[in-house]
Amino acid sequence: MGSLGRRAVPLALLAGMLTGCGVSARATGVTESGHASGAAARRGGTVGAAGSACALPVTFDIARGWRAAAVEGPAAGVSDGTDADLAESLLRQGPVTLVCEIDAKPAGSIGFLRVSTGKPGSGDAGAVLRAFVAAEDGTSGARYRPFTFTSGGPAGVRVDYVHTSELLGESKRESALAVVTPRGPVVLHLGGLDSAEHDAMLPAFELARQTLRTA
């Protein structure tokens, strides 16, 4: 995938962002209902390396059709100090800050795989992930489990949980994982319009997890 360049995020959209023949990976995630997805996500490109759409402490494959774009902080166009603080707080969740969005809409799903990063010394992967989930209002049923790689990738922690919107009165499944690198922690979060969209996108989340490497 070619670089799509960095883009500024208008302040009015920030709240909504936090409330959207290749190698394949088979999803092993189990949904809240106990249904295990067996679909395969086909590789569409790699993000994380210098020159890619998002330069990150890690690299991983994204599913075919998904489109990545970097998220810029308030320095991109917010000059007032108060507004800058608000913009920063909307991008931040727990110990990490949103830096990259990978949009599933071009592939036919409604949702995002979002990447957030933090500073070194923020804690181990489990502590970072628990703080990330705790910072999201309305979460329940969180199930944490570690994962490791046999091919030299970083060890990390994954969580599957339910998010309930107080405003909409609706609940949906969400998933996230965290790893810690020498450049700080990285969180990948999968969120969709509803649980059905989440489950349809799980293979793309699993592809990212299986191909995750330190940059």
Protein backbone atom coordinates (compact mmCIF):
# COMPACT_ATOMS: atom_id res chain seq x y z
CA MET A 1 0.00 0.00 0.00
CA GLY A 2 1.36 3.41 -0.91
CA SER A 3 1.61 6.16 1.61
CA LEU A 4 -1.61 8.14 1.96
CA GLY A 5 0.16 10.95 3.79
CA ARG A 6 -0.57 12.42 7.18
CA ARG A 7 -3.90 14.13 7.75
CA ALA A 8 -5.10 16.57 10.34
CA VAL A 9 -8.16 15.62 12.38
CA PRO A 10 -10.74 18.43 12.77
CA LEU A 11 -11.60 19.02 16.40
CA ALA A 12 -15.29 18.45 15.71
CA LEU A 13 -14.59 14.91 14.55
CA LEU A 14 -12.31 13.81 17.36
CA ALA A 15 -15.07 12.66 19.70
CA GLY A 16 -16.60 10.48 17.02
CA MET A 17 -13.27 8.82 16.37
CA LEU A 18 -13.13 7.51 19.90
CA THR A 19 -16.94 6.57 20.31
CA GLY A 20 -14.87 4.50 13.63
CA CYS A 21 -3.42 -13.53 -3.36
CA GLY A 22 -1.48 -12.58 -0.35
CA VAL A 23 -0.68 -13.98 3.01
CA SER A 24 -3.82 -14.80 4.95
CA ALA A 25 -4.52 -15.39 8.63
CA ARG A 26 -7.32 -17.44 10.13
CA ALA A 27 -9.25 -15.77 12.94
CA THR A 28 -9.33 -17.60 16.25
CA GLY A 29 -11.23 -15.04 18.31
CA VAL A 30 -14.32 -16.26 20.14
CA THR A 31 -17.24 -13.88 20.32
CA GLU A 32 -19.41 -13.20 23.38
CA SER A 33 -21.91 -15.74 22.09
CA GLY A 34 -19.21 -18.41 21.83
CA HIS A 35 -19.05 -18.29 18.03
CA ALA A 36 -15.52 -18.70 16.69
CA SER A 37 -14.84 -16.95 13.39
CA GLY A 38 -13.05 -19.17 10.87
CA ALA A 39 -12.86 -16.68 7.98
CA ALA A 40 -9.51 -15.70 6.50
CA ALA A 41 -8.34 -12.14 5.90
CA ARG A 42 -6.20 -11.67 2.82
CA ARG A 43 -3.19 -9.40 3.11
CA GLY A 44 -3.56 -6.00 1.48
CA GLY A 45 -0.35 -4.30 2.62
CA THR A 46 1.80 -3.46 5.62
CA VAL A 47 1.82 -0.40 7.88
CA GLY A 48 4.26 0.81 10.52
CA ALA A 49 7.53 1.11 8.63
CA ALA A 50 9.01 4.48 7.67
CA GLY A 51 7.36 5.65 4.46
CA SER A 52 4.12 3.75 5.07
CA ALA A 53 0.81 5.47 5.79
CA CYS A 54 1.55 5.31 9.53
CA ALA A 55 5.08 5.23 10.95
CA LEU A 56 4.84 3.17 14.17
CA PRO A 57 6.99 1.31 16.72
CA VAL A 58 5.60 -1.89 15.15
CA THR A 59 4.74 -3.19 11.70
CA PHE A 60 1.82 -5.45 10.78
CA ASP A 61 -0.23 -6.54 7.79
CA ILE A 62 -3.63 -5.04 7.08
CA ALA A 63 -6.48 -6.79 5.31
CA ARG A 64 -7.09 -6.27 1.62
CA GLY A 65 -9.21 -3.20 0.94
CA TRP A 66 -8.63 -1.59 4.34
CA ARG A 67 -7.10 1.89 4.14
CA ALA A 68 -4.67 3.39 6.66
CA ALA A 69 -4.19 7.06 7.48
CA ALA A 70 -2.10 8.73 10.17
CA VAL A 71 -3.82 10.86 12.80
CA GLU A 72 -2.14 14.13 13.66
CA GLY A 73 -2.29 15.78 17.04
CA PRO A 74 -3.57 19.28 17.90
CA ALA A 75 -0.41 20.94 16.58
CA ALA A 76 -1.80 20.34 13.10
CA GLY A 77 -4.19 23.28 13.36
CA VAL A 78 -5.29 24.05 16.92
CA SER A 79 -3.56 27.15 18.21
CA ASP A 80 -5.49 27.99 21.36
CA GLY A 81 -4.04 26.29 24.43
CA THR A 82 -7.41 25.21 25.85
CA ASP A 83 -8.55 23.75 22.54
CA ALA A 84 -5.21 21.99 22.14
CA ASP A 85 -5.62 20.35 25.54
CA LEU A 86 -9.16 19.25 24.63
CA ALA A 87 -7.99 17.84 21.30
CA GLU A 88 -5.19 15.95 23.02
CA SER A 89 -7.59 14.52 25.62
CA LEU A 90 -9.96 13.27 22.90
CA LEU A 91 -7.13 11.47 21.14
CA ARG A 92 -5.84 9.97 24.37
CA GLN A 93 -7.22 6.86 26.09
CA GLY A 94 -5.48 5.79 29.26
CA PRO A 95 -1.71 5.74 28.75
CA VAL A 96 -1.79 5.87 24.94
CA THR A 97 -2.72 8.35 22.20
CA LEU A 98 -4.38 7.64 18.86
CA VAL A 99 -1.91 7.91 15.96
CA CYS A 100 -3.32 5.79 13.12
CA GLU A 101 -6.71 4.71 11.78
CA ILE A 102 -7.24 1.80 9.40
CA ASP A 103 -10.67 2.11 7.81
CA ALA A 104 -12.66 -1.00 6.89
CA LYS A 105 -15.27 0.82 4.79
CA PRO A 106 -13.44 0.37 1.45
CA ALA A 107 -13.57 -3.39 2.14
CA GLY A 108 -17.30 -3.33 2.86
CA SER A 109 -17.40 -3.17 6.68
CA ILE A 110 -18.19 -0.28 9.01
CA GLY A 111 -15.45 0.09 11.58
CA PHE A 112 -11.82 0.84 12.25
CA LEU A 113 -8.65 -0.79 13.48
CA ARG A 114 -7.10 2.03 15.49
CA VAL A 115 -3.50 2.21 16.68
CA SER A 116 -2.45 4.17 19.77
CA THR A 117 1.04 4.60 21.19
CA GLY A 118 2.50 5.71 24.50
CA LYS A 119 5.77 6.67 26.12
CA PRO A 120 8.35 4.14 27.36
CA GLY A 121 7.82 3.22 30.98
CA SER A 122 4.02 3.21 30.79
CA GLY A 123 3.91 -0.34 32.19
CA ASP A 124 3.82 -3.88 30.88
CA ALA A 125 1.40 -4.94 28.16
CA GLY A 126 -1.25 -6.15 30.61
CA ALA A 127 -1.17 -2.95 32.69
CA VAL A 128 -1.35 -0.77 29.58
CA LEU A 129 -4.30 -2.71 28.16
CA ARG A 130 -6.24 -2.68 31.43
CA ALA A 131 -5.73 1.08 31.75
CA PHE A 132 -6.87 1.51 28.13
CA VAL A 133 -10.10 -0.40 28.73
CA ALA A 134 -10.71 1.31 32.08
CA ALA A 135 -10.57 4.69 30.35
CA GLU A 136 -13.50 3.74 28.09
CA ASP A 137 -16.82 4.30 29.83
CA GLY A 138 -19.42 1.54 29.78
CA THR A 139 -17.19 -1.54 29.41
CA SER A 140 -18.00 -4.95 30.90
CA GLY A 141 -17.14 -8.63 30.62
CA ALA A 142 -13.48 -8.01 29.77
CA ARG A 143 -11.50 -11.24 29.17
CA TYR A 144 -7.72 -10.82 29.07
CA ARG A 145 -5.33 -13.44 27.74
CA PRO A 146 -1.65 -13.36 26.79
CA PHE A 147 -0.35 -14.30 23.37
CA THR A 148 3.15 -15.09 22.10
CA PHE A 149 4.81 -15.66 18.76
CA THR A 150 7.08 -18.50 17.70
CA SER A 151 8.78 -16.43 15.00
CA GLY A 152 10.35 -13.71 17.11
CA GLY A 153 7.53 -11.18 17.42
CA PRO A 154 6.72 -9.42 20.71
CA ALA A 155 4.62 -11.04 23.40
CA GLY A 156 1.45 -9.21 24.32
CA VAL A 157 -2.01 -9.30 25.88
CA ARG A 158 -5.40 -9.37 24.17
CA VAL A 159 -8.80 -8.43 25.53
CA ASP A 160 -12.36 -8.99 24.29
CA TYR A 161 -15.11 -7.02 26.01
CA VAL A 162 -18.52 -5.41 25.64
CA HIS A 163 -19.04 -1.67 25.35
CA THR A 164 -22.44 -0.19 26.21
CA SER A 165 -23.34 3.30 25.03
CA GLU A 166 -25.30 5.16 27.68
CA LEU A 167 -26.49 7.62 25.03
CA LEU A 168 -27.74 4.99 22.57
CA GLY A 169 -28.59 2.29 25.09
CA GLU A 170 -26.88 -0.30 22.87
CA SER A 171 -24.08 -2.79 23.52
CA LYS A 172 -21.47 -4.14 21.12
CA ARG A 173 -18.38 -6.32 21.22
CA GLU A 174 -14.91 -4.79 20.95
CA SER A 175 -11.37 -6.21 20.97
CA ALA A 176 -7.92 -4.79 21.63
CA LEU A 177 -4.35 -5.94 22.14
CA ALA A 178 -1.24 -4.36 23.58
CA VAL A 179 2.49 -4.93 23.19
CA VAL A 180 5.43 -3.06 24.67
CA THR A 181 8.37 -2.03 22.47
CA PRO A 182 11.61 -0.15 23.24
CA ARG A 183 9.84 2.95 21.88
CA GLY A 184 6.84 2.51 24.17
CA PRO A 185 3.56 0.59 24.29
CA VAL A 186 1.30 0.05 21.29
CA VAL A 187 -2.45 -0.71 21.45
CA LEU A 188 -4.48 -2.00 18.50
CA HIS A 189 -8.23 -1.56 19.00
CA LEU A 190 -10.99 -3.03 16.82
CA GLY A 191 -14.33 -1.27 16.94
CA GLY A 192 -17.32 -1.54 14.62
CA LEU A 193 -20.80 -0.15 14.18
CA ASP A 194 -22.23 -3.12 16.09
CA SER A 195 -21.34 -6.64 17.20
CA ALA A 196 -22.06 -8.11 13.77
CA GLU A 197 -19.60 -5.71 12.13
CA HIS A 198 -17.06 -6.45 14.86
CA ASP A 199 -17.31 -10.19 14.26
CA ALA A 200 -16.99 -9.71 10.49
CA MET A 201 -13.76 -7.74 11.03
CA LEU A 202 -12.15 -10.15 13.50
CA PRO A 203 -10.11 -11.89 10.74
CA ALA A 204 -8.44 -8.55 9.93
CA PHE A 205 -7.66 -8.07 13.62
CA GLU A 206 -6.18 -11.56 13.78
CA LEU A 207 -4.10 -10.91 10.66
CA ALA A 208 -2.63 -7.83 12.36
CA ARG A 209 -1.93 -9.77 15.54
CA GLN A 210 -0.24 -12.67 13.80
CA THR A 211 2.01 -10.44 11.69
CA LEU A 212 2.86 -7.89 14.40
CA ARG A 213 6.59 -7.19 14.65
CA THR A 214 8.78 -4.53 16.26
CA ALA A 215 9.71 -1.93 13.65
